[in-house]
Amino acid sequence: MAFSARVSAVPLAQINVTPLVDVLLVLLVIVMITSPVLTHKLKLDLPQPGKTPLVDTPERVRLAIHADGSMYWNDAPLNPAMLEAQLAVAARHPSPPSLLVDPADGASYQAVADVIARAKRQGLEKIDFMITR
């Protein structure tokens, strides 16, 4: 077996273009696939300013429940009988207010659950918890 040895020590300065052609063909296929997606038009019906009627935001009522069980309706003290009456009046309003329940750290779960159940029985639907930061 005869092996040929290169006589000159000059390095070959040739670029292998096969991987370059492969990459370019892949890019060409990607462009051909995505170009119809880019030219597709989507009709959107965006809301125009001033054409929609303004919606009145409902009044917010803050109901604070302290650790000792005392309750305050917008900073006015309440007892459980008065709470039922206040909830009934608020629920009969043409636009019922949003009830923000603000339980103190030591308030019992039962007291908070009782207030929420009473509010739901009276027909109040917007009940939120107030968070302190």
N, C-alpha and C. Protein backbone atom coordinates (compact mmCIF):
# COMPACT_ATOMS: atom_id res chain seq x y z
N MET A 1 0.85 -1.16 0.00
CA MET A 1 0.00 0.00 0.00
C MET A 1 0.89 1.21 0.00
N ALA A 2 0.48 2.05 -0.85
CA ALA A 2 1.29 3.26 -0.96
C ALA A 2 0.46 4.43 -0.48
N PHE A 3 1.04 5.17 0.41
CA PHE A 3 0.40 6.39 0.90
C PHE A 3 1.15 7.57 0.34
N SER A 4 0.39 8.55 -0.06
CA SER A 4 1.08 9.73 -0.58
C SER A 4 1.19 10.75 0.54
N ALA A 5 2.32 11.33 0.64
CA ALA A 5 2.56 12.34 1.64
C ALA A 5 2.67 13.67 0.94
N ARG A 6 2.11 14.67 1.57
CA ARG A 6 2.22 15.99 0.96
C ARG A 6 3.64 16.49 1.12
N VAL A 7 4.07 17.02 0.07
CA VAL A 7 5.45 17.46 0.09
C VAL A 7 5.53 18.89 0.61
N SER A 8 4.54 19.73 0.23
CA SER A 8 4.62 21.13 0.65
C SER A 8 3.95 21.31 2.01
N ALA A 9 4.43 22.26 2.75
CA ALA A 9 3.89 22.54 4.08
C ALA A 9 2.93 23.71 4.06
N VAL A 10 2.44 24.10 2.91
CA VAL A 10 1.53 25.22 2.77
C VAL A 10 0.12 24.75 3.14
N PRO A 11 -0.54 25.46 4.06
CA PRO A 11 -1.88 25.03 4.44
C PRO A 11 -2.89 25.30 3.33
N LEU A 12 -3.92 24.47 3.30
CA LEU A 12 -4.98 24.66 2.32
C LEU A 12 -5.89 25.77 2.80
N ALA A 13 -6.19 26.70 1.96
CA ALA A 13 -7.03 27.84 2.32
C ALA A 13 -8.33 27.76 1.54
N GLN A 14 -9.09 26.72 1.74
CA GLN A 14 -10.36 26.57 1.06
C GLN A 14 -11.48 26.55 2.09
N ILE A 15 -12.62 27.17 1.73
CA ILE A 15 -13.77 27.20 2.62
C ILE A 15 -14.73 26.11 2.19
N ASN A 16 -15.18 25.35 3.15
CA ASN A 16 -16.16 24.32 2.87
C ASN A 16 -17.53 25.00 2.88
N VAL A 17 -18.18 25.12 1.73
CA VAL A 17 -19.44 25.84 1.61
C VAL A 17 -20.66 24.96 1.81
N THR A 18 -20.49 23.68 1.97
CA THR A 18 -21.63 22.77 2.14
C THR A 18 -22.45 23.11 3.40
N PRO A 19 -21.84 23.31 4.58
CA PRO A 19 -22.65 23.68 5.74
C PRO A 19 -23.31 25.05 5.57
N LEU A 20 -22.65 25.96 4.89
CA LEU A 20 -23.22 27.28 4.65
C LEU A 20 -24.46 27.17 3.76
N VAL A 21 -24.41 26.36 2.74
CA VAL A 21 -25.54 26.16 1.85
C VAL A 21 -26.69 25.49 2.61
N ASP A 22 -26.38 24.53 3.48
CA ASP A 22 -27.42 23.86 4.28
C ASP A 22 -28.14 24.86 5.18
N VAL A 23 -27.39 25.72 5.84
CA VAL A 23 -28.00 26.72 6.73
C VAL A 23 -28.85 27.69 5.93
N LEU A 24 -28.36 28.13 4.79
CA LEU A 24 -29.13 29.06 3.96
C LEU A 24 -30.42 28.42 3.44
N LEU A 25 -30.37 27.15 3.09
CA LEU A 25 -31.60 26.48 2.63
C LEU A 25 -32.62 26.34 3.76
N VAL A 26 -32.16 26.06 4.96
CA VAL A 26 -33.07 25.98 6.11
C VAL A 26 -33.70 27.35 6.36
N LEU A 27 -32.90 28.41 6.32
CA LEU A 27 -33.44 29.75 6.50
C LEU A 27 -34.44 30.11 5.40
N LEU A 28 -34.17 29.69 4.18
CA LEU A 28 -35.08 29.96 3.07
C LEU A 28 -36.42 29.24 3.30
N VAL A 29 -36.38 28.01 3.76
CA VAL A 29 -37.61 27.28 4.03
C VAL A 29 -38.39 27.95 5.16
N ILE A 30 -37.71 28.39 6.21
CA ILE A 30 -38.40 29.08 7.32
C ILE A 30 -39.06 30.35 6.83
N VAL A 31 -38.37 31.12 6.00
CA VAL A 31 -38.95 32.37 5.48
C VAL A 31 -40.15 32.06 4.59
N MET A 32 -40.06 31.01 3.79
CA MET A 32 -41.17 30.67 2.90
C MET A 32 -42.40 30.21 3.70
N ILE A 33 -42.18 29.56 4.83
CA ILE A 33 -43.30 29.08 5.64
C ILE A 33 -43.94 30.23 6.41
N THR A 34 -43.13 31.13 6.95
CA THR A 34 -43.68 32.20 7.80
C THR A 34 -44.15 33.42 7.03
N SER A 35 -43.78 33.58 5.79
CA SER A 35 -44.20 34.79 5.06
C SER A 35 -45.71 34.87 4.84
N PRO A 36 -46.45 33.80 4.60
CA PRO A 36 -47.91 33.95 4.50
C PRO A 36 -48.54 34.37 5.83
N VAL A 37 -47.96 33.98 6.95
CA VAL A 37 -48.49 34.37 8.25
C VAL A 37 -48.30 35.86 8.46
N LEU A 38 -47.18 36.39 8.00
CA LEU A 38 -46.90 37.82 8.18
C LEU A 38 -47.79 38.69 7.31
N THR A 39 -48.21 38.20 6.15
CA THR A 39 -49.04 39.01 5.27
C THR A 39 -50.53 38.87 5.56
N HIS A 40 -50.90 37.93 6.42
CA HIS A 40 -52.31 37.74 6.77
C HIS A 40 -52.78 38.91 7.64
N LYS A 41 -53.89 39.52 7.26
CA LYS A 41 -54.42 40.65 8.01
C LYS A 41 -55.55 40.18 8.89
N LEU A 42 -55.56 40.71 10.10
CA LEU A 42 -56.59 40.37 11.07
C LEU A 42 -57.40 41.62 11.34
N LYS A 43 -58.72 41.52 11.19
CA LYS A 43 -59.58 42.68 11.43
C LYS A 43 -59.96 42.70 12.91
N LEU A 44 -59.62 43.80 13.57
CA LEU A 44 -59.95 43.97 14.97
C LEU A 44 -60.95 45.09 15.12
N ASP A 45 -61.89 44.89 15.99
CA ASP A 45 -62.87 45.92 16.30
C ASP A 45 -62.50 46.52 17.66
N LEU A 46 -61.62 47.49 17.66
CA LEU A 46 -61.16 48.09 18.90
C LEU A 46 -62.16 49.14 19.38
N PRO A 47 -62.32 49.28 20.68
CA PRO A 47 -63.25 50.30 21.19
C PRO A 47 -62.71 51.70 20.90
N GLN A 48 -63.62 52.58 20.55
CA GLN A 48 -63.25 53.95 20.24
C GLN A 48 -63.50 54.82 21.47
N PRO A 49 -62.67 55.81 21.70
CA PRO A 49 -62.85 56.66 22.88
C PRO A 49 -64.10 57.53 22.76
N GLY A 50 -64.82 57.64 23.85
CA GLY A 50 -65.97 58.53 23.89
C GLY A 50 -67.28 57.91 23.43
N LYS A 51 -67.25 56.73 22.85
CA LYS A 51 -68.49 56.12 22.35
C LYS A 51 -69.18 55.24 23.39
N THR A 52 -68.43 54.76 24.38
CA THR A 52 -69.02 53.89 25.38
C THR A 52 -69.50 54.73 26.56
N PRO A 53 -70.65 54.41 27.09
CA PRO A 53 -71.13 55.18 28.24
C PRO A 53 -70.29 54.87 29.48
N LEU A 54 -70.12 55.87 30.29
CA LEU A 54 -69.37 55.69 31.52
C LEU A 54 -70.20 54.91 32.53
N VAL A 55 -69.57 53.95 33.15
CA VAL A 55 -70.24 53.12 34.15
C VAL A 55 -69.91 53.69 35.52
N ASP A 56 -70.94 53.93 36.30
CA ASP A 56 -70.72 54.43 37.65
C ASP A 56 -70.14 53.32 38.51
N THR A 57 -69.06 53.64 39.18
CA THR A 57 -68.50 52.65 40.09
C THR A 57 -69.32 52.65 41.36
N PRO A 58 -69.63 51.48 41.86
CA PRO A 58 -70.47 51.43 43.06
C PRO A 58 -69.73 52.00 44.27
N GLU A 59 -70.50 52.47 45.20
CA GLU A 59 -69.96 52.99 46.45
C GLU A 59 -69.28 51.85 47.20
N ARG A 60 -68.26 52.19 47.97
CA ARG A 60 -67.58 51.18 48.77
C ARG A 60 -67.89 51.40 50.23
N VAL A 61 -68.23 50.32 50.89
CA VAL A 61 -68.52 50.35 52.32
C VAL A 61 -67.44 49.53 53.01
N ARG A 62 -66.79 50.12 53.98
CA ARG A 62 -65.73 49.43 54.72
C ARG A 62 -66.31 48.89 56.02
N LEU A 63 -66.22 47.58 56.19
CA LEU A 63 -66.70 46.92 57.39
C LEU A 63 -65.48 46.35 58.12
N ALA A 64 -65.09 46.99 59.21
CA ALA A 64 -63.92 46.55 59.98
C ALA A 64 -64.38 45.62 61.09
N ILE A 65 -63.69 44.51 61.25
CA ILE A 65 -63.97 43.56 62.32
C ILE A 65 -62.71 43.50 63.19
N HIS A 66 -62.85 43.92 64.42
CA HIS A 66 -61.71 43.96 65.33
C HIS A 66 -61.53 42.62 66.03
N ALA A 67 -60.41 42.48 66.71
CA ALA A 67 -60.07 41.22 67.37
C ALA A 67 -61.04 40.89 68.50
N ASP A 68 -61.60 41.91 69.15
CA ASP A 68 -62.54 41.65 70.25
C ASP A 68 -63.96 41.37 69.76
N GLY A 69 -64.18 41.37 68.45
CA GLY A 69 -65.50 41.07 67.89
C GLY A 69 -66.31 42.30 67.56
N SER A 70 -65.83 43.49 67.91
CA SER A 70 -66.58 44.71 67.58
C SER A 70 -66.44 45.01 66.08
N MET A 71 -67.50 45.60 65.53
CA MET A 71 -67.55 45.89 64.11
C MET A 71 -67.79 47.38 63.89
N TYR A 72 -67.25 47.88 62.77
CA TYR A 72 -67.38 49.30 62.43
C TYR A 72 -67.77 49.40 60.96
N TRP A 73 -68.87 50.10 60.70
CA TRP A 73 -69.38 50.34 59.35
C TRP A 73 -68.93 51.74 58.96
N ASN A 74 -67.95 51.85 58.08
CA ASN A 74 -67.37 53.15 57.71
C ASN A 74 -66.98 53.94 58.96
N ASP A 75 -66.28 53.31 59.86
CA ASP A 75 -65.78 53.90 61.11
C ASP A 75 -66.86 54.25 62.12
N ALA A 76 -68.08 53.78 61.92
CA ALA A 76 -69.16 53.98 62.90
C ALA A 76 -69.40 52.63 63.59
N PRO A 77 -69.42 52.59 64.93
CA PRO A 77 -69.59 51.31 65.62
C PRO A 77 -70.94 50.66 65.35
N LEU A 78 -70.93 49.34 65.28
CA LEU A 78 -72.14 48.53 65.00
C LEU A 78 -72.23 47.40 66.00
N ASN A 79 -73.45 46.95 66.23
CA ASN A 79 -73.64 45.68 66.93
C ASN A 79 -74.24 44.70 65.92
N PRO A 80 -74.32 43.42 66.21
CA PRO A 80 -74.80 42.45 65.22
C PRO A 80 -76.21 42.73 64.69
N ALA A 81 -77.10 43.27 65.52
CA ALA A 81 -78.46 43.57 65.04
C ALA A 81 -78.43 44.73 64.05
N MET A 82 -77.61 45.72 64.34
CA MET A 82 -77.49 46.86 63.43
C MET A 82 -76.82 46.46 62.12
N LEU A 83 -75.92 45.48 62.19
CA LEU A 83 -75.25 45.01 60.98
C LEU A 83 -76.26 44.44 59.99
N GLU A 84 -77.17 43.65 60.48
CA GLU A 84 -78.21 43.06 59.62
C GLU A 84 -79.02 44.14 58.94
N ALA A 85 -79.40 45.18 59.68
CA ALA A 85 -80.17 46.29 59.12
C ALA A 85 -79.35 47.07 58.08
N GLN A 86 -78.09 47.32 58.37
CA GLN A 86 -77.24 48.06 57.43
C GLN A 86 -77.05 47.27 56.13
N LEU A 87 -76.85 45.98 56.25
CA LEU A 87 -76.69 45.15 55.05
C LEU A 87 -77.96 45.13 54.23
N ALA A 88 -79.12 45.08 54.89
CA ALA A 88 -80.40 45.08 54.17
C ALA A 88 -80.61 46.39 53.42
N VAL A 89 -80.27 47.50 54.07
CA VAL A 89 -80.42 48.82 53.42
C VAL A 89 -79.47 48.92 52.24
N ALA A 90 -78.23 48.47 52.42
CA ALA A 90 -77.25 48.55 51.34
C ALA A 90 -77.64 47.67 50.16
N ALA A 91 -78.22 46.52 50.43
CA ALA A 91 -78.60 45.60 49.34
C ALA A 91 -79.80 46.11 48.56
N ARG A 92 -80.66 46.91 49.18
CA ARG A 92 -81.86 47.42 48.50
C ARG A 92 -81.56 48.67 47.67
N HIS A 93 -80.36 49.18 47.76
CA HIS A 93 -79.97 50.36 47.01
C HIS A 93 -79.98 50.03 45.52
N PRO A 94 -80.34 51.01 44.62
CA PRO A 94 -80.38 50.70 43.18
C PRO A 94 -79.04 50.17 42.64
N SER A 95 -77.94 50.73 43.09
CA SER A 95 -76.63 50.16 42.73
C SER A 95 -75.96 49.75 44.04
N PRO A 96 -76.08 48.47 44.41
CA PRO A 96 -75.55 48.02 45.70
C PRO A 96 -74.06 48.32 45.83
N PRO A 97 -73.63 48.72 47.02
CA PRO A 97 -72.22 49.06 47.21
C PRO A 97 -71.34 47.82 47.26
N SER A 98 -70.08 48.06 47.10
CA SER A 98 -69.09 47.00 47.26
C SER A 98 -68.70 46.95 48.73
N LEU A 99 -68.75 45.78 49.32
CA LEU A 99 -68.46 45.62 50.73
C LEU A 99 -67.00 45.21 50.90
N LEU A 100 -66.23 46.05 51.58
CA LEU A 100 -64.83 45.76 51.86
C LEU A 100 -64.72 45.28 53.31
N VAL A 101 -64.46 44.03 53.49
CA VAL A 101 -64.33 43.46 54.82
C VAL A 101 -62.87 43.61 55.24
N ASP A 102 -62.67 44.25 56.41
CA ASP A 102 -61.32 44.50 56.91
C ASP A 102 -61.15 43.82 58.26
N PRO A 103 -60.82 42.52 58.26
CA PRO A 103 -60.66 41.82 59.54
C PRO A 103 -59.31 42.17 60.17
N ALA A 104 -59.29 42.34 61.47
CA ALA A 104 -58.04 42.59 62.19
C ALA A 104 -57.26 41.28 62.28
N ASP A 105 -56.02 41.37 62.69
CA ASP A 105 -55.17 40.18 62.77
C ASP A 105 -55.72 39.14 63.75
N GLY A 106 -56.31 39.56 64.85
CA GLY A 106 -56.80 38.61 65.84
C GLY A 106 -58.26 38.28 65.70
N ALA A 107 -58.93 38.74 64.64
CA ALA A 107 -60.37 38.47 64.48
C ALA A 107 -60.60 36.99 64.22
N SER A 108 -61.66 36.46 64.82
CA SER A 108 -61.93 35.02 64.65
C SER A 108 -62.49 34.74 63.27
N TYR A 109 -62.17 33.57 62.79
CA TYR A 109 -62.66 33.13 61.49
C TYR A 109 -64.19 33.09 61.49
N GLN A 110 -64.78 32.64 62.57
CA GLN A 110 -66.23 32.50 62.65
C GLN A 110 -66.91 33.86 62.49
N ALA A 111 -66.36 34.92 63.10
CA ALA A 111 -66.97 36.24 62.98
C ALA A 111 -66.92 36.75 61.55
N VAL A 112 -65.81 36.53 60.88
CA VAL A 112 -65.67 36.98 59.49
C VAL A 112 -66.59 36.17 58.58
N ALA A 113 -66.63 34.86 58.77
CA ALA A 113 -67.49 34.01 57.95
C ALA A 113 -68.96 34.35 58.17
N ASP A 114 -69.33 34.70 59.40
CA ASP A 114 -70.71 35.08 59.71
C ASP A 114 -71.10 36.37 58.99
N VAL A 115 -70.20 37.34 58.97
CA VAL A 115 -70.47 38.60 58.28
C VAL A 115 -70.65 38.37 56.78
N ILE A 116 -69.79 37.56 56.20
CA ILE A 116 -69.89 37.29 54.75
C ILE A 116 -71.18 36.54 54.45
N ALA A 117 -71.55 35.58 55.28
CA ALA A 117 -72.79 34.83 55.05
C ALA A 117 -74.00 35.75 55.17
N ARG A 118 -74.00 36.65 56.14
CA ARG A 118 -75.11 37.60 56.26
C ARG A 118 -75.21 38.51 55.05
N ALA A 119 -74.07 38.98 54.56
CA ALA A 119 -74.07 39.86 53.39
C ALA A 119 -74.61 39.13 52.16
N LYS A 120 -74.22 37.90 51.99
CA LYS A 120 -74.72 37.12 50.85
C LYS A 120 -76.21 36.84 50.98
N ARG A 121 -76.68 36.57 52.19
CA ARG A 121 -78.12 36.35 52.38
C ARG A 121 -78.92 37.59 52.04
N GLN A 122 -78.38 38.76 52.30
CA GLN A 122 -79.10 40.01 52.00
C GLN A 122 -79.03 40.35 50.51
N GLY A 123 -78.14 39.71 49.74
CA GLY A 123 -78.08 39.94 48.30
C GLY A 123 -76.89 40.76 47.85
N LEU A 124 -75.95 41.03 48.70
CA LEU A 124 -74.74 41.75 48.28
C LEU A 124 -73.83 40.77 47.54
N GLU A 125 -73.42 41.16 46.35
CA GLU A 125 -72.61 40.26 45.54
C GLU A 125 -71.15 40.66 45.51
N LYS A 126 -70.86 41.92 45.67
CA LYS A 126 -69.49 42.41 45.58
C LYS A 126 -68.91 42.51 46.99
N ILE A 127 -68.22 41.45 47.38
CA ILE A 127 -67.60 41.39 48.70
C ILE A 127 -66.11 41.16 48.51
N ASP A 128 -65.31 42.08 49.01
CA ASP A 128 -63.87 41.98 48.90
C ASP A 128 -63.23 42.06 50.27
N PHE A 129 -61.99 41.62 50.34
CA PHE A 129 -61.21 41.75 51.57
C PHE A 129 -60.24 42.89 51.40
N MET A 130 -60.10 43.69 52.42
CA MET A 130 -59.17 44.79 52.38
C MET A 130 -57.81 44.27 52.87
N ILE A 131 -56.79 44.56 52.11
CA ILE A 131 -55.46 44.11 52.52
C ILE A 131 -54.67 45.30 53.02
N THR A 132 -53.85 45.06 54.00
CA THR A 132 -53.01 46.12 54.53
C THR A 132 -51.59 45.85 54.09
N ARG A 133 -50.88 46.90 53.76
CA ARG A 133 -49.50 46.76 53.27
C ARG A 133 -48.56 47.47 54.18
